[in-house]
């Protein structure tokens, strides 16, 4: 019997992805703060982080944006239902999508 490793030990060809969720959400939060029509903040509760966003001058409505690792990359997603918005590397397009959603504009 070998005590150096388990009987069913397995190796991965690639290391597991680094958890960059908080870094991506921080970048999105910084983008929200510089956007002329949006306000919001990075929220963390019980170890779960997301960005809460509201539109200036719009009806009192907020959206919450999370970040998930899917299909080999990080994606911003709607926290309410998990639908992907844009890849996390594209903060500008994500801000546009969020502003459009809050304005009630599709696209």
Foldseek 3Di string as FASTA:
>chain_A
DDPPDDPPDDDDPDDDDDPCFVVLQVVLQVVQVPDPFKHWAWDDDPRAIWIWMAGPPAPPDIWIWGWDQPPNAIFIATPVPGHGQGTSVCSPSSVVCRVCVNVVHDD
